[in-house]
PDB file of N, CA and C in Angstrom:
ATOM      1  N   MET A   1      -9.976  -3.225  10.464  1.00  0.00           N
ATOM      2  CA  MET A   1      -9.255  -2.441   9.492  1.00  0.00           C
ATOM      3  C   MET A   1      -7.838  -2.983   9.297  1.00  0.00           C
ATOM      4  N   ARG A   2      -7.226  -3.316  10.412  1.00  0.00           N
ATOM      5  CA  ARG A   2      -5.848  -3.815  10.322  1.00  0.00           C
ATOM      6  C   ARG A   2      -5.786  -5.053   9.433  1.00  0.00           C
ATOM      7  N   THR A   3      -6.719  -5.946   9.616  1.00  0.00           N
ATOM      8  CA  THR A   3      -6.741  -7.176   8.819  1.00  0.00           C
ATOM      9  C   THR A   3      -6.948  -6.861   7.339  1.00  0.00           C
ATOM     10  N   LEU A   4      -7.869  -5.957   7.033  1.00  0.00           N
ATOM     11  CA  LEU A   4      -8.107  -5.585   5.633  1.00  0.00           C
ATOM     12  C   LEU A   4      -6.850  -5.014   4.987  1.00  0.00           C
ATOM     13  N   ILE A   5      -6.153  -4.150   5.727  1.00  0.00           N
ATOM     14  CA  ILE A   5      -4.955  -3.511   5.189  1.00  0.00           C
ATOM     15  C   ILE A   5      -3.841  -4.527   4.990  1.00  0.00           C
ATOM     16  N   TRP A   6      -3.627  -5.402   5.974  1.00  0.00           N
ATOM     17  CA  TRP A   6      -2.550  -6.387   5.847  1.00  0.00           C
ATOM     18  C   TRP A   6      -2.847  -7.410   4.747  1.00  0.00           C
ATOM     19  N   ARG A   7      -4.096  -7.766   4.572  1.00  0.00           N
ATOM     20  CA  ARG A   7      -4.452  -8.675   3.465  1.00  0.00           C
ATOM     21  C   ARG A   7      -4.203  -8.002   2.116  1.00  0.00           C
ATOM     22  N   PHE A   8      -4.545  -6.724   2.043  1.00  0.00           N
ATOM     23  CA  PHE A   8      -4.305  -5.986   0.807  1.00  0.00           C
ATOM     24  C   PHE A   8      -2.805  -5.920   0.518  1.00  0.00           C
ATOM     25  N   TYR A   9      -2.013  -5.647   1.538  1.00  0.00           N
ATOM     26  CA  TYR A   9      -0.557  -5.587   1.374  1.00  0.00           C
ATOM     27  C   TYR A   9      -0.007  -6.946   0.938  1.00  0.00           C
ATOM     28  N   ARG A  10      -0.525  -8.002   1.540  1.00  0.00           N
ATOM     29  CA  ARG A  10      -0.113  -9.358   1.144  1.00  0.00           C
ATOM     30  C   ARG A  10      -0.412  -9.595  -0.335  1.00  0.00           C
ATOM     31  N   ASP A  11      -1.564  -9.160  -0.794  1.00  0.00           N
ATOM     32  CA  ASP A  11      -1.935  -9.340  -2.197  1.00  0.00           C
ATOM     33  C   ASP A  11      -1.092  -8.474  -3.126  1.00  0.00           C
ATOM     34  N   LEU A  12      -0.688  -7.295  -2.659  1.00  0.00           N
ATOM     35  CA  LEU A  12       0.234  -6.473  -3.454  1.00  0.00           C
ATOM     36  C   LEU A  12       1.585  -7.173  -3.597  1.00  0.00           C
ATOM     37  N   LYS A  13       2.052  -7.787  -2.513  1.00  0.00           N
ATOM     38  CA  LYS A  13       3.322  -8.525  -2.583  1.00  0.00           C
ATOM     39  C   LYS A  13       3.208  -9.693  -3.553  1.00  0.00           C
ATOM     40  N   ALA A  14       2.081 -10.389  -3.538  1.00  0.00           N
ATOM     41  CA  ALA A  14       1.874 -11.509  -4.467  1.00  0.00           C
ATOM     42  C   ALA A  14       1.833 -10.995  -5.907  1.00  0.00           C
ATOM     43  N   TYR A  15       1.170  -9.874  -6.114  1.00  0.00           N
ATOM     44  CA  TYR A  15       1.115  -9.275  -7.452  1.00  0.00           C
ATOM     45  C   TYR A  15       2.520  -8.937  -7.938  1.00  0.00           C
ATOM     46  N   LYS A  16       3.330  -8.392  -7.049  1.00  0.00           N
ATOM     47  CA  LYS A  16       4.692  -7.999  -7.402  1.00  0.00           C
ATOM     48  C   LYS A  16       5.510  -9.203  -7.870  1.00  0.00           C
ATOM     49  N   LEU A  17       5.295 -10.348  -7.251  1.00  0.00           N
ATOM     50  CA  LEU A  17       6.020 -11.568  -7.623  1.00  0.00           C
ATOM     51  C   LEU A  17       5.543 -12.143  -8.953  1.00  0.00           C
ATOM     52  N   SER A  18       4.254 -11.951  -9.232  1.00  0.00           N
ATOM     53  CA  SER A  18       3.680 -12.500 -10.457  1.00  0.00           C
ATOM     54  C   SER A  18       2.702 -11.484 -11.056  1.00  0.00           C
ATOM     55  N   PRO A  19       3.220 -10.432 -11.684  1.00  0.00           N
ATOM     56  CA  PRO A  19       2.348  -9.362 -12.206  1.00  0.00           C
ATOM     57  C   PRO A  19       1.387  -9.872 -13.277  1.00  0.00           C
ATOM     58  N   ASP A  20       0.161  -9.459 -13.155  1.00  0.00           N
ATOM     59  CA  ASP A  20      -0.873  -9.784 -14.128  1.00  0.00           C
ATOM     60  C   ASP A  20      -1.755  -8.543 -14.244  1.00  0.00           C
ATOM     61  N   PRO A  21      -1.830  -7.938 -15.421  1.00  0.00           N
ATOM     62  CA  PRO A  21      -2.585  -6.688 -15.553  1.00  0.00           C
ATOM     63  C   PRO A  21      -4.088  -6.826 -15.301  1.00  0.00           C
ATOM     64  N   LYS A  22      -4.616  -8.029 -15.340  1.00  0.00           N
ATOM     65  CA  LYS A  22      -6.061  -8.213 -15.171  1.00  0.00           C
ATOM     66  C   LYS A  22      -6.592  -7.698 -13.828  1.00  0.00           C
ATOM     67  N   PRO A  23      -5.965  -8.025 -12.694  1.00  0.00           N
ATOM     68  CA  PRO A  23      -6.564  -7.606 -11.417  1.00  0.00           C
ATOM     69  C   PRO A  23      -6.242  -6.178 -10.985  1.00  0.00           C
ATOM     70  N   THR A  24      -5.526  -5.401 -11.800  1.00  0.00           N
ATOM     71  CA  THR A  24      -5.121  -4.075 -11.334  1.00  0.00           C
ATOM     72  C   THR A  24      -6.319  -3.159 -11.074  1.00  0.00           C
ATOM     73  N   ARG A  25      -7.318  -3.191 -11.934  1.00  0.00           N
ATOM     74  CA  ARG A  25      -8.502  -2.358 -11.711  1.00  0.00           C
ATOM     75  C   ARG A  25      -9.217  -2.781 -10.432  1.00  0.00           C
ATOM     76  N   MET A  26      -9.281  -4.092 -10.201  1.00  0.00           N
ATOM     77  CA  MET A  26      -9.907  -4.609  -8.994  1.00  0.00           C
ATOM     78  C   MET A  26      -9.118  -4.189  -7.739  1.00  0.00           C
ATOM     79  N   MET A  27      -7.785  -4.212  -7.839  1.00  0.00           N
ATOM     80  CA  MET A  27      -6.956  -3.816  -6.704  1.00  0.00           C
ATOM     81  C   MET A  27      -7.142  -2.331  -6.386  1.00  0.00           C
ATOM     82  N   ARG A  28      -7.255  -1.508  -7.413  1.00  0.00           N
ATOM     83  CA  ARG A  28      -7.466  -0.075  -7.185  1.00  0.00           C
ATOM     84  C   ARG A  28      -8.824   0.173  -6.527  1.00  0.00           C
ATOM     85  N   ALA A  29      -9.840  -0.540  -6.978  1.00  0.00           N
ATOM     86  CA  ALA A  29     -11.174  -0.395  -6.382  1.00  0.00           C
ATOM     87  C   ALA A  29     -11.172  -0.898  -4.939  1.00  0.00           C
ATOM     88  N   ARG A  30     -10.467  -1.971  -4.684  1.00  0.00           N
ATOM     89  CA  ARG A  30     -10.354  -2.505  -3.323  1.00  0.00           C
ATOM     90  C   ARG A  30      -9.648  -1.499  -2.410  1.00  0.00           C
ATOM     91  N   PHE A  31      -8.599  -0.867  -2.918  1.00  0.00           N
ATOM     92  CA  PHE A  31      -7.905   0.172  -2.165  1.00  0.00           C
ATOM     93  C   PHE A  31      -8.898   1.278  -1.775  1.00  0.00           C
ATOM     94  N   ASP A  32      -9.706   1.704  -2.734  1.00  0.00           N
ATOM     95  CA  ASP A  32     -10.700   2.743  -2.454  1.00  0.00           C
ATOM     96  C   ASP A  32     -11.682   2.295  -1.373  1.00  0.00           C
ATOM     97  N   ARG A  33     -12.150   1.063  -1.461  1.00  0.00           N
ATOM     98  CA  ARG A  33     -13.103   0.570  -0.461  1.00  0.00           C
ATOM     99  C   ARG A  33     -12.490   0.557   0.937  1.00  0.00           C
ATOM    100  N   ILE A  34     -11.243   0.173   1.031  1.00  0.00           N
ATOM    101  CA  ILE A  34     -10.583   0.098   2.337  1.00  0.00           C
ATOM    102  C   ILE A  34     -10.323   1.494   2.889  1.00  0.00           C
ATOM    103  N   PHE A  35      -9.735   2.362   2.075  1.00  0.00           N
ATOM    104  CA  PHE A  35      -9.232   3.631   2.580  1.00  0.00           C
ATOM    105  C   PHE A  35     -10.231   4.785   2.527  1.00  0.00           C
ATOM    106  N   THR A  36     -11.461   4.525   2.094  1.00  0.00           N
ATOM    107  CA  THR A  36     -12.513   5.534   2.206  1.00  0.00           C
ATOM    108  C   THR A  36     -13.553   5.122   3.240  1.00  0.00           C
ATOM    109  N   ARG A  37     -13.313   4.035   3.890  1.00  0.00           N
ATOM    110  CA  ARG A  37     -14.227   3.519   4.915  1.00  0.00           C
ATOM    111  C   ARG A  37     -14.230   4.432   6.138  1.00  0.00           C
ATOM    112  N   LYS A  38     -15.373   4.617   6.725  1.00  0.00           N
ATOM    113  CA  LYS A  38     -15.518   5.385   7.964  1.00  0.00           C
ATOM    114  C   LYS A  38     -15.571   4.398   9.127  1.00  0.00           C
ATOM    115  N   THR A  39     -14.680   4.592  10.090  1.00  0.00           N
ATOM    116  CA  THR A  39     -14.607   3.671  11.226  1.00  0.00           C
ATOM    117  C   THR A  39     -15.291   4.219  12.472  1.00  0.00           C
ATOM    118  N   GLY A  40     -15.458   5.539  12.517  1.00  0.00           N
ATOM    119  CA  GLY A  40     -16.001   6.154  13.719  1.00  0.00           C
ATOM    120  C   GLY A  40     -14.912   6.609  14.683  1.00  0.00           C
ATOM    121  N   TYR A  41     -13.669   6.289  14.373  1.00  0.00           N
ATOM    122  CA  TYR A  41     -12.524   6.743  15.163  1.00  0.00           C
ATOM    123  C   TYR A  41     -11.861   7.889  14.400  1.00  0.00           C
ATOM    124  N   ILE A  42     -11.877   9.064  14.977  1.00  0.00           N
ATOM    125  CA  ILE A  42     -11.431  10.266  14.278  1.00  0.00           C
ATOM    126  C   ILE A  42     -10.009  10.134  13.754  1.00  0.00           C
ATOM    127  N   LEU A  43      -9.081   9.732  14.605  1.00  0.00           N
ATOM    128  CA  LEU A  43      -7.681   9.651  14.176  1.00  0.00           C
ATOM    129  C   LEU A  43      -7.472   8.596  13.095  1.00  0.00           C
ATOM    130  N   LEU A  44      -8.139   7.473  13.240  1.00  0.00           N
ATOM    131  CA  LEU A  44      -8.021   6.421  12.225  1.00  0.00           C
ATOM    132  C   LEU A  44      -8.615   6.891  10.901  1.00  0.00           C
ATOM    133  N   ASP A  45      -9.757   7.528  10.948  1.00  0.00           N
ATOM    134  CA  ASP A  45     -10.378   8.027   9.720  1.00  0.00           C
ATOM    135  C   ASP A  45      -9.490   9.068   9.035  1.00  0.00           C
ATOM    136  N   GLN A  46      -8.837   9.922   9.827  1.00  0.00           N
ATOM    137  CA  GLN A  46      -7.920  10.908   9.255  1.00  0.00           C
ATOM    138  C   GLN A  46      -6.742  10.219   8.572  1.00  0.00           C
ATOM    139  N   GLN A  47      -6.211   9.202   9.218  1.00  0.00           N
ATOM    140  CA  GLN A  47      -5.071   8.478   8.649  1.00  0.00           C
ATOM    141  C   GLN A  47      -5.478   7.758   7.360  1.00  0.00           C
ATOM    142  N   LEU A  48      -6.648   7.163   7.363  1.00  0.00           N
ATOM    143  CA  LEU A  48      -7.134   6.475   6.160  1.00  0.00           C
ATOM    144  C   LEU A  48      -7.295   7.472   5.004  1.00  0.00           C
ATOM    145  N   ARG A  49      -7.831   8.663   5.302  1.00  0.00           N
ATOM    146  CA  ARG A  49      -7.972   9.689   4.258  1.00  0.00           C
ATOM    147  C   ARG A  49      -6.603  10.128   3.737  1.00  0.00           C
ATOM    148  N   ARG A  50      -5.648  10.289   4.651  1.00  0.00           N
ATOM    149  CA  ARG A  50      -4.298  10.697   4.246  1.00  0.00           C
ATOM    150  C   ARG A  50      -3.681   9.651   3.316  1.00  0.00           C
ATOM    151  N   LEU A  51      -3.837   8.385   3.665  1.00  0.00           N
ATOM    152  CA  LEU A  51      -3.307   7.320   2.820  1.00  0.00           C
ATOM    153  C   LEU A  51      -4.036   7.278   1.480  1.00  0.00           C
ATOM    154  N   HIS A  52      -5.326   7.497   1.487  1.00  0.00           N
ATOM    155  CA  HIS A  52      -6.085   7.476   0.248  1.00  0.00           C
ATOM    156  C   HIS A  52      -5.626   8.590  -0.696  1.00  0.00           C
ATOM    157  N   ARG A  53      -5.270   9.747  -0.147  1.00  0.00           N
ATOM    158  CA  ARG A  53      -4.765  10.842  -0.990  1.00  0.00           C
ATOM    159  C   ARG A  53      -3.452  10.460  -1.674  1.00  0.00           C
ATOM    160  N   ARG A  54      -2.733   9.510  -1.112  1.00  0.00           N
ATOM    161  CA  ARG A  54      -1.449   9.073  -1.687  1.00  0.00           C
ATOM    162  C   ARG A  54      -1.613   7.821  -2.554  1.00  0.00           C
ATOM    163  N   LYS A  55      -2.808   7.545  -2.969  1.00  0.00           N
ATOM    164  CA  LYS A  55      -3.129   6.324  -3.713  1.00  0.00           C
ATOM    165  C   LYS A  55      -2.196   6.108  -4.909  1.00  0.00           C
ATOM    166  N   ALA A  56      -1.996   7.120  -5.716  1.00  0.00           N
ATOM    167  CA  ALA A  56      -1.163   6.961  -6.923  1.00  0.00           C
ATOM    168  C   ALA A  56       0.241   6.495  -6.546  1.00  0.00           C
ATOM    169  N   HIS A  57       0.787   7.076  -5.508  1.00  0.00           N
ATOM    170  CA  HIS A  57       2.131   6.701  -5.066  1.00  0.00           C
ATOM    171  C   HIS A  57       2.141   5.296  -4.453  1.00  0.00           C
ATOM    172  N   LEU A  58       1.153   5.026  -3.616  1.00  0.00           N
ATOM    173  CA  LEU A  58       1.128   3.742  -2.907  1.00  0.00           C
ATOM    174  C   LEU A  58       0.836   2.556  -3.827  1.00  0.00           C
ATOM    175  N   LEU A  59       0.140   2.799  -4.911  1.00  0.00           N
ATOM    176  CA  LEU A  59      -0.193   1.705  -5.838  1.00  0.00           C
ATOM    177  C   LEU A  59       0.677   1.710  -7.092  1.00  0.00           C
ATOM    178  N   ARG A  60       1.752   2.438  -7.052  1.00  0.00           N
ATOM    179  CA  ARG A  60       2.653   2.499  -8.211  1.00  0.00           C
ATOM    180  C   ARG A  60       3.149   1.110  -8.608  1.00  0.00           C
ATOM    181  N   VAL A  61       3.232   0.214  -7.643  1.00  0.00           N
ATOM    182  CA  VAL A  61       3.704  -1.143  -7.924  1.00  0.00           C
ATOM    183  C   VAL A  61       2.803  -1.860  -8.942  1.00  0.00           C
ATOM    184  N   LEU A  62       1.552  -1.443  -9.056  1.00  0.00           N
ATOM    185  CA  LEU A  62       0.660  -2.069 -10.033  1.00  0.00           C
ATOM    186  C   LEU A  62       1.093  -1.731 -11.463  1.00  0.00           C
ATOM    187  N   ASP A  63       1.709  -0.582 -11.624  1.00  0.00           N
ATOM    188  CA  ASP A  63       2.211  -0.189 -12.940  1.00  0.00           C
ATOM    189  C   ASP A  63       3.666  -0.577 -13.134  1.00  0.00           C
ATOM    190  N   ARG A  64       4.415  -0.605 -12.036  1.00  0.00           N
ATOM    191  CA  ARG A  64       5.847  -0.889 -12.081  1.00  0.00           C
ATOM    192  C   ARG A  64       6.209  -1.927 -11.021  1.00  0.00           C
ATOM    193  N   PRO A  65       5.968  -3.214 -11.282  1.00  0.00           N
ATOM    194  CA  PRO A  65       6.232  -4.255 -10.285  1.00  0.00           C
ATOM    195  C   PRO A  65       7.698  -4.365  -9.871  1.00  0.00           C
ATOM    196  N   ASP A  66       8.589  -3.708 -10.596  1.00  0.00           N
ATOM    197  CA  ASP A  66      10.014  -3.791 -10.277  1.00  0.00           C
ATOM    198  C   ASP A  66      10.410  -2.890  -9.105  1.00  0.00           C
ATOM    199  N   ILE A  67       9.541  -1.948  -8.720  1.00  0.00           N
ATOM    200  CA  ILE A  67       9.906  -1.063  -7.609  1.00  0.00           C
ATOM    201  C   ILE A  67       9.525  -1.710  -6.273  1.00  0.00           C
ATOM    202  N   PRO A  68      10.248  -1.373  -5.206  1.00  0.00           N
ATOM    203  CA  PRO A  68       9.951  -1.980  -3.900  1.00  0.00           C
ATOM    204  C   PRO A  68       8.646  -1.450  -3.316  1.00  0.00           C
ATOM    205  N   LEU A  69       8.008  -2.275  -2.509  1.00  0.00           N
ATOM    206  CA  LEU A  69       6.785  -1.862  -1.821  1.00  0.00           C
ATOM    207  C   LEU A  69       7.092  -1.002  -0.598  1.00  0.00           C
ATOM    208  N   HIS A  70       8.276  -1.100  -0.081  1.00  0.00           N
ATOM    209  CA  HIS A  70       8.654  -0.347   1.115  1.00  0.00           C
ATOM    210  C   HIS A  70      10.114   0.076   0.992  1.00  0.00           C
ATOM    211  N   THR A  71      10.554   0.878   1.929  1.00  0.00           N
ATOM    212  CA  THR A  71      11.927   1.382   1.891  1.00  0.00           C
ATOM    213  C   THR A  71      12.780   0.801   3.009  1.00  0.00           C
ATOM    214  N   ASN A  72      12.386  -0.295   3.582  1.00  0.00           N
ATOM    215  CA  ASN A  72      13.134  -0.866   4.698  1.00  0.00           C
ATOM    216  C   ASN A  72      14.594  -1.116   4.342  1.00  0.00           C
ATOM    217  N   GLY A  73      14.872  -1.575   3.135  1.00  0.00           N
ATOM    218  CA  GLY A  73      16.251  -1.820   2.720  1.00  0.00           C
ATOM    219  C   GLY A  73      17.071  -0.544   2.717  1.00  0.00           C
ATOM    220  N   SER A  74      16.503   0.517   2.186  1.00  0.00           N
ATOM    221  CA  SER A  74      17.199   1.809   2.167  1.00  0.00           C
ATOM    222  C   SER A  74      17.427   2.324   3.576  1.00  0.00           C
ATOM    223  N   GLU A  75      16.418   2.175   4.417  1.00  0.00           N
ATOM    224  CA  GLU A  75      16.564   2.638   5.794  1.00  0.00           C
ATOM    225  C   GLU A  75      17.647   1.850   6.526  1.00  0.00           C
ATOM    226  N   ASN A  76      17.704   0.559   6.293  1.00  0.00           N
ATOM    227  CA  ASN A  76      18.734  -0.261   6.928  1.00  0.00           C
ATOM    228  C   ASN A  76      20.118   0.122   6.421  1.00  0.00           C
ATOM    229  N   ASP A  77      20.245   0.421   5.133  1.00  0.00           N
ATOM    230  CA  ASP A  77      21.538   0.801   4.562  1.00  0.00           C
ATOM    231  C   ASP A  77      22.088   2.071   5.204  1.00  0.00           C
ATOM    232  N   ILE A  78      21.212   3.040   5.401  1.00  0.00           N
ATOM    233  CA  ILE A  78      21.678   4.319   5.941  1.00  0.00           C
ATOM    234  C   ILE A  78      21.840   4.276   7.465  1.00  0.00           C
ATOM    235  N   ARG A  79      21.154   3.375   8.130  1.00  0.00           N
ATOM    236  CA  ARG A  79      21.217   3.297   9.594  1.00  0.00           C
ATOM    237  C   ARG A  79      22.639   3.104  10.095  1.00  0.00           C
ATOM    238  N   SER A  80      23.419   2.271   9.431  1.00  0.00           N
ATOM    239  CA  SER A  80      24.789   2.035   9.886  1.00  0.00           C
ATOM    240  C   SER A  80      25.644   3.293   9.733  1.00  0.00           C
ATOM    241  N   VAL A  81      25.380   4.083   8.717  1.00  0.00           N
ATOM    242  CA  VAL A  81      26.111   5.330   8.514  1.00  0.00           C
ATOM    243  C   VAL A  81      25.776   6.328   9.623  1.00  0.00           C
ATOM    244  N   VAL A  82      24.489   6.404   9.966  1.00  0.00           N
ATOM    245  CA  VAL A  82      24.032   7.361  10.969  1.00  0.00           C
ATOM    246  C   VAL A  82      24.532   6.991  12.364  1.00  0.00           C
ATOM    247  N   THR A  83      24.502   5.688  12.675  1.00  0.00           N
ATOM    248  CA  THR A  83      24.954   5.285  14.012  1.00  0.00           C
ATOM    249  C   THR A  83      26.449   5.187  14.043  1.00  0.00           C
TER     250      THR A  83
END
């Protein structure tokens, strides 16, 4: 599962660098295949379902490649203020 998720994330990053509307339907279907999979591990399956419910938010980059895939930059900016 980890490999499938990281490969998908890698492909989202590549899409963000060079957006092409053609593969967006394929990427959404791939997301569904990954995050609706049953692993047999209760906690992992729950987490996958939770992520799948957030599909629209998590795949927003397919519609808006200008938005960041993660918030690490924002978290780093505020960390210095907090500490």
